[in-house]
C-alpha atoms as a PDB file:
ATOM      1  CA  ILE A   1     -46.110  69.355  -3.587  1.00  0.00           C
ATOM      2  CA  GLY A   2     -48.298  69.013  -0.559  1.00  0.00           C
ATOM      3  CA  ALA A   3     -50.884  67.045   1.291  1.00  0.00           C
ATOM      4  CA  GLY A   4     -53.282  66.994  -1.674  1.00  0.00           C
ATOM      5  CA  LEU A   5     -51.437  64.260  -3.555  1.00  0.00           C
ATOM      6  CA  ILE A   6     -50.822  62.275  -0.387  1.00  0.00           C
ATOM      7  CA  LEU A   7     -54.486  62.441   0.605  1.00  0.00           C
ATOM      8  CA  MET A   8     -55.577  61.408  -2.902  1.00  0.00           C
ATOM      9  CA  ALA A   9     -53.374  58.333  -2.624  1.00  0.00           C
ATOM     10  CA  ALA A  10     -54.556  57.600   0.917  1.00  0.00           C
ATOM     11  CA  ALA A  11     -58.214  57.974  -0.094  1.00  0.00           C
ATOM     12  CA  GLY A  12     -57.633  55.542  -2.961  1.00  0.00           C
ATOM     13  CA  GLN A  13     -56.039  52.994  -0.649  1.00  0.00           C
ATOM     14  CA  ASN A  14     -58.886  53.451   1.802  1.00  0.00           C
ATOM     15  CA  ALA A  15     -61.458  52.897  -0.963  1.00  0.00           C
ATOM     16  CA  ALA A  16     -59.720  49.652  -1.924  1.00  0.00           C
ATOM     17  CA  PHE A  17     -59.180  48.576   1.681  1.00  0.00           C
ATOM     18  CA  PRO A  18     -61.905  50.128   3.878  1.00  0.00           C
ATOM     19  CA  GLU A  19     -60.563  48.356   6.952  1.00  0.00           C
ATOM     20  CA  LEU A  20     -57.714  50.896   6.950  1.00  0.00           C
ATOM     21  CA  GLY A  21     -60.137  53.479   8.367  1.00  0.00           C
ATOM     22  CA  LEU A  22     -58.653  56.676   6.953  1.00  0.00           C
ATOM     23  CA  ASP A  23     -61.236  58.862   8.674  1.00  0.00           C
ATOM     24  CA  LYS A  24     -59.889  58.088  12.149  1.00  0.00           C
ATOM     25  CA  TYR A  25     -56.548  59.641  11.149  1.00  0.00           C
ATOM     26  CA  LEU A  26     -57.985  62.850   9.691  1.00  0.00           C
ATOM     27  CA  ASN A  27     -58.661  66.092  11.499  1.00  0.00           C
ATOM     28  CA  ASP A  28     -61.531  68.363  10.412  1.00  0.00           C
ATOM     29  CA  LYS A  29     -59.361  70.012   7.766  1.00  0.00           C
ATOM     30  CA  GLY A  30     -58.354  66.603   6.393  1.00  0.00           C
ATOM     31  CA  ARG A  31     -61.953  65.397   6.253  1.00  0.00           C
ATOM     32  CA  GLY A  32     -62.805  68.596   4.395  1.00  0.00           C
ATOM     33  CA  TYR A  33     -60.022  67.956   1.866  1.00  0.00           C
ATOM     34  CA  VAL A  34     -61.130  64.371   1.272  1.00  0.00           C
ATOM     35  CA  ASP A  35     -64.727  65.504   0.766  1.00  0.00           C
ATOM     36  CA  PHE A  36     -63.484  68.174  -1.679  1.00  0.00           C
ATOM     37  CA  MET A  37     -61.375  65.599  -3.528  1.00  0.00           C
ATOM     38  CA  LYS A  38     -64.326  63.303  -4.079  1.00  0.00           C
ATOM     39  CA  LYS A  39     -66.015  66.088  -6.054  1.00  0.00           C
ATOM     40  CA  ASN A  40     -63.086  67.469  -8.058  1.00  0.00           C
ATOM     41  CA  CYS A  41     -60.310  66.483 -10.447  1.00  0.00           C
ATOM     42  CA  VAL A  42     -56.641  65.762  -9.793  1.00  0.00           C
ATOM     43  CA  ALA A  43     -55.399  69.247 -10.698  1.00  0.00           C
ATOM     44  CA  GLU A  44     -57.845  70.961  -8.346  1.00  0.00           C
ATOM     45  CA  ASN A  45     -57.086  68.460  -5.597  1.00  0.00           C
ATOM     46  CA  ALA A  46     -53.337  68.945  -5.907  1.00  0.00           C
ATOM     47  CA  VAL A  47     -53.712  72.731  -5.786  1.00  0.00           C
ATOM     48  CA  ALA A  48     -56.026  72.514  -2.768  1.00  0.00           C
ATOM     49  CA  GLY A  49     -53.302  70.732  -0.818  1.00  0.00           C
ATOM     50  CA  LEU A  50     -50.361  72.885  -1.921  1.00  0.00           C
ATOM     51  CA  PHE A  51     -48.022  73.965   0.844  1.00  0.00           C
ATOM     52  CA  GLN A  52     -49.851  71.756   3.332  1.00  0.00           C
ATOM     53  CA  HIS A  53     -48.029  69.014   5.179  1.00  0.00           C
ATOM     54  CA  ILE A  54     -49.679  65.705   6.041  1.00  0.00           C
ATOM     55  CA  SER A  55     -49.532  66.771   9.700  1.00  0.00           C
ATOM     56  CA  ASP A  56     -51.775  69.746   8.839  1.00  0.00           C
ATOM     57  CA  VAL A  57     -54.627  67.423   7.850  1.00  0.00           C
ATOM     58  CA  THR A  58     -54.213  64.458  10.191  1.00  0.00           C
ATOM     59  CA  VAL A  59     -54.203  63.729  13.897  1.00  0.00           C
ATOM     60  CA  LYS A  60     -51.803  60.866  13.174  1.00  0.00           C
ATOM     61  CA  ASN A  61     -50.091  60.006   9.885  1.00  0.00           C
ATOM     62  CA  PRO A  62     -51.707  56.800   8.597  1.00  0.00           C
ATOM     63  CA  LEU A  63     -48.717  56.131   6.360  1.00  0.00           C
ATOM     64  CA  ASP A  64     -46.644  55.426   9.471  1.00  0.00           C
ATOM     65  CA  GLU A  65     -48.977  52.639  10.601  1.00  0.00           C
ATOM     66  CA  PRO A  66     -48.123  48.947  10.043  1.00  0.00           C
ATOM     67  CA  ASP A  67     -51.503  48.078   8.490  1.00  0.00           C
ATOM     68  CA  TRP A  68     -51.155  50.933   5.998  1.00  0.00           C
ATOM     69  CA  GLN A  69     -47.561  49.968   5.213  1.00  0.00           C
ATOM     70  CA  ALA A  70     -48.608  46.356   4.601  1.00  0.00           C
ATOM     71  CA  ARG A  71     -51.355  47.397   2.169  1.00  0.00           C
ATOM     72  CA  LEU A  72     -49.070  49.874   0.412  1.00  0.00           C
ATOM     73  CA  ASN A  73     -46.462  47.156  -0.045  1.00  0.00           C
ATOM     74  CA  GLU A  74     -49.116  44.829  -1.488  1.00  0.00           C
ATOM     75  CA  SER A  75     -50.105  47.570  -3.924  1.00  0.00           C
ATOM     76  CA  HIS A  76     -46.554  48.439  -4.968  1.00  0.00           C
ATOM     77  CA  LEU A  77     -46.439  48.780  -8.738  1.00  0.00           C
ATOM     78  CA  GLY A  78     -44.154  46.328 -10.431  1.00  0.00           C
ATOM     79  CA  THR A  79     -44.556  43.449  -8.004  1.00  0.00           C
ATOM     80  CA  LYS A  80     -47.226  41.864 -10.204  1.00  0.00           C
ATOM     81  CA  ALA A  81     -47.557  41.995 -13.974  1.00  0.00           C
ATOM     82  CA  PRO A  82     -50.748  43.665 -15.176  1.00  0.00           C
ATOM     83  CA  ASP A  83     -53.319  41.348 -16.747  1.00  0.00           C
ATOM     84  CA  ALA A  84     -53.953  43.740 -19.637  1.00  0.00           C
ATOM     85  CA  PRO A  85     -51.617  45.581 -22.013  1.00  0.00           C
ATOM     86  CA  VAL A  86     -50.228  48.870 -20.705  1.00  0.00           C
ATOM     87  CA  TYR A  87     -49.251  52.157 -22.307  1.00  0.00           C
ATOM     88  CA  LEU A  88     -46.639  53.694 -20.031  1.00  0.00           C
ATOM     89  CA  TYR A  89     -45.032  57.077 -20.593  1.00  0.00           C
ATOM     90  CA  HIS A  90     -42.792  59.342 -18.578  1.00  0.00           C
ATOM     91  CA  GLY A  91     -41.083  62.716 -18.802  1.00  0.00           C
ATOM     92  CA  GLY A  92     -37.327  62.509 -18.420  1.00  0.00           C
ATOM     93  CA  LEU A  93     -37.247  65.669 -16.304  1.00  0.00           C
ATOM     94  CA  ASP A  94     -40.222  64.720 -14.115  1.00  0.00           C
ATOM     95  CA  GLU A  95     -39.883  66.645 -10.875  1.00  0.00           C
ATOM     96  CA  LEU A  96     -42.572  64.672  -9.009  1.00  0.00           C
ATOM     97  CA  ILE A  97     -41.896  61.062  -9.961  1.00  0.00           C
ATOM     98  CA  PRO A  98     -38.264  60.431 -10.886  1.00  0.00           C
ATOM     99  CA  TYR A  99     -37.761  59.114 -14.404  1.00  0.00           C
ATOM    100  CA  ALA A 100     -35.917  56.107 -12.979  1.00  0.00           C
ATOM    101  CA  VAL A 101     -39.169  55.039 -11.275  1.00  0.00           C
ATOM    102  CA  GLY A 102     -40.921  54.814 -14.655  1.00  0.00           C
ATOM    103  CA  GLU A 103     -37.985  52.975 -16.202  1.00  0.00           C
ATOM    104  CA  ARG A 104     -37.934  50.524 -13.295  1.00  0.00           C
ATOM    105  CA  LEU A 105     -41.669  49.891 -13.591  1.00  0.00           C
ATOM    106  CA  ARG A 106     -41.291  49.190 -17.291  1.00  0.00           C
ATOM    107  CA  ALA A 107     -38.400  46.800 -16.625  1.00  0.00           C
ATOM    108  CA  ASP A 108     -40.298  45.038 -13.821  1.00  0.00           C
ATOM    109  CA  TRP A 109     -43.443  44.552 -15.884  1.00  0.00           C
ATOM    110  CA  CYS A 110     -41.558  43.553 -19.019  1.00  0.00           C
ATOM    111  CA  GLY A 111     -39.515  41.104 -16.955  1.00  0.00           C
ATOM    112  CA  LYS A 112     -42.744  39.514 -15.761  1.00  0.00           C
ATOM    113  CA  GLY A 113     -44.028  39.059 -19.306  1.00  0.00           C
ATOM    114  CA  ALA A 114     -46.429  41.997 -19.514  1.00  0.00           C
ATOM    115  CA  ARG A 115     -47.137  43.682 -22.836  1.00  0.00           C
ATOM    116  CA  VAL A 116     -45.919  47.243 -22.321  1.00  0.00           C
ATOM    117  CA  GLN A 117     -45.774  50.072 -24.830  1.00  0.00           C
ATOM    118  CA  TRP A 118     -43.242  52.553 -23.418  1.00  0.00           C
ATOM    119  CA  LYS A 119     -42.836  56.161 -24.523  1.00  0.00           C
ATOM    120  CA  SER A 120     -40.212  58.474 -23.116  1.00  0.00           C
ATOM    121  CA  TYR A 121     -40.321  62.267 -23.290  1.00  0.00           C
ATOM    122  CA  PRO A 122     -36.713  63.105 -22.339  1.00  0.00           C
ATOM    123  CA  LEU A 123     -37.040  66.900 -22.200  1.00  0.00           C
ATOM    124  CA  LEU A 124     -40.354  67.131 -20.357  1.00  0.00           C
ATOM    125  CA  GLY A 125     -41.234  67.366 -16.692  1.00  0.00           C
ATOM    126  CA  HIS A 126     -44.308  65.945 -14.981  1.00  0.00           C
ATOM    127  CA  ILE A 127     -46.976  68.305 -16.317  1.00  0.00           C
ATOM    128  CA  GLY A 128     -45.356  68.582 -19.751  1.00  0.00           C
ATOM    129  CA  GLY A 129     -45.123  64.809 -20.023  1.00  0.00           C
ATOM    130  CA  VAL A 130     -48.743  64.358 -18.996  1.00  0.00           C
ATOM    131  CA  THR A 131     -49.878  67.023 -21.449  1.00  0.00           C
ATOM    132  CA  VAL A 132     -47.856  65.891 -24.463  1.00  0.00           C
ATOM    133  CA  GLY A 133     -48.355  62.199 -23.718  1.00  0.00           C
ATOM    134  CA  ALA A 134     -52.125  62.337 -23.258  1.00  0.00           C
ATOM    135  CA  LEU A 135     -53.088  62.247 -26.941  1.00  0.00           C
ATOM    136  CA  PRO A 136     -50.815  59.320 -27.887  1.00  0.00           C
ATOM    137  CA  ALA A 137     -52.062  57.476 -24.785  1.00  0.00           C
ATOM    138  CA  ALA A 138     -55.682  58.114 -25.784  1.00  0.00           C
ATOM    139  CA  ASP A 139     -54.932  56.936 -29.339  1.00  0.00           C
ATOM    140  CA  TRP A 140     -53.334  53.777 -27.955  1.00  0.00           C
ATOM    141  CA  LEU A 141     -56.392  53.136 -25.785  1.00  0.00           C
ATOM    142  CA  ALA A 142     -58.746  53.768 -28.717  1.00  0.00           C
ATOM    143  CA  GLY A 143     -56.883  51.062 -30.613  1.00  0.00           C
ATOM    144  CA  ARG A 144     -57.662  48.576 -27.851  1.00  0.00           C
ATOM    145  CA  PHE A 145     -61.356  49.455 -27.956  1.00  0.00           C
ATOM    146  CA  ALA A 146     -61.264  49.079 -31.734  1.00  0.00           C
ATOM    147  CA  GLY A 147     -59.984  45.530 -31.296  1.00  0.00           C
ATOM    148  CA  ARG A 148     -56.466  46.127 -32.615  1.00  0.00           C
ATOM    149  CA  ALA A 149     -53.672  44.152 -30.982  1.00  0.00           C
ATOM    150  CA  ALA A 150     -51.666  46.078 -28.420  1.00  0.00           C
ATOM    151  CA  PRO A 151     -48.139  46.870 -29.543  1.00  0.00           C
ATOM    152  CA  GLY A 152     -45.322  46.422 -27.088  1.00  0.00           C
ATOM    153  CA  ASN A 153     -41.694  47.462 -27.024  1.00  0.00           C
ATOM    154  CA  CYS A 154     -40.212  45.599 -24.085  1.00  0.00           C
END
């Protein structure tokens, strides 16, 4: 998909762990992308980075560095159960994040005792799953704000 998604993830890691120093890895184009991303939404950010490789926006790939790898491993989803209930949904034909990744995350969290409400959209890809799943996810979240107990289907 391109450098846009990678830079969004790297900027998020850098915000959580400022000692990673993302800026020292970026070239001028990369700094421009990160500045753009801070002012725009995910769709615009992804499009801005289409057909760009991480090497087009960096002087050195931070994801290859041991300190970045250590922080990414600490942040790996599934290693720790979330403290709050989760609504998790996934398109079975997701071309960006394989369906098996979502299934594994559900299994990991359920295995650790988390309350997970899982919804599968077998015939949808990434964008279709996000689009169709957004309203049920928002309804689920509204139920939490309304004080209703979170359902789970582990």
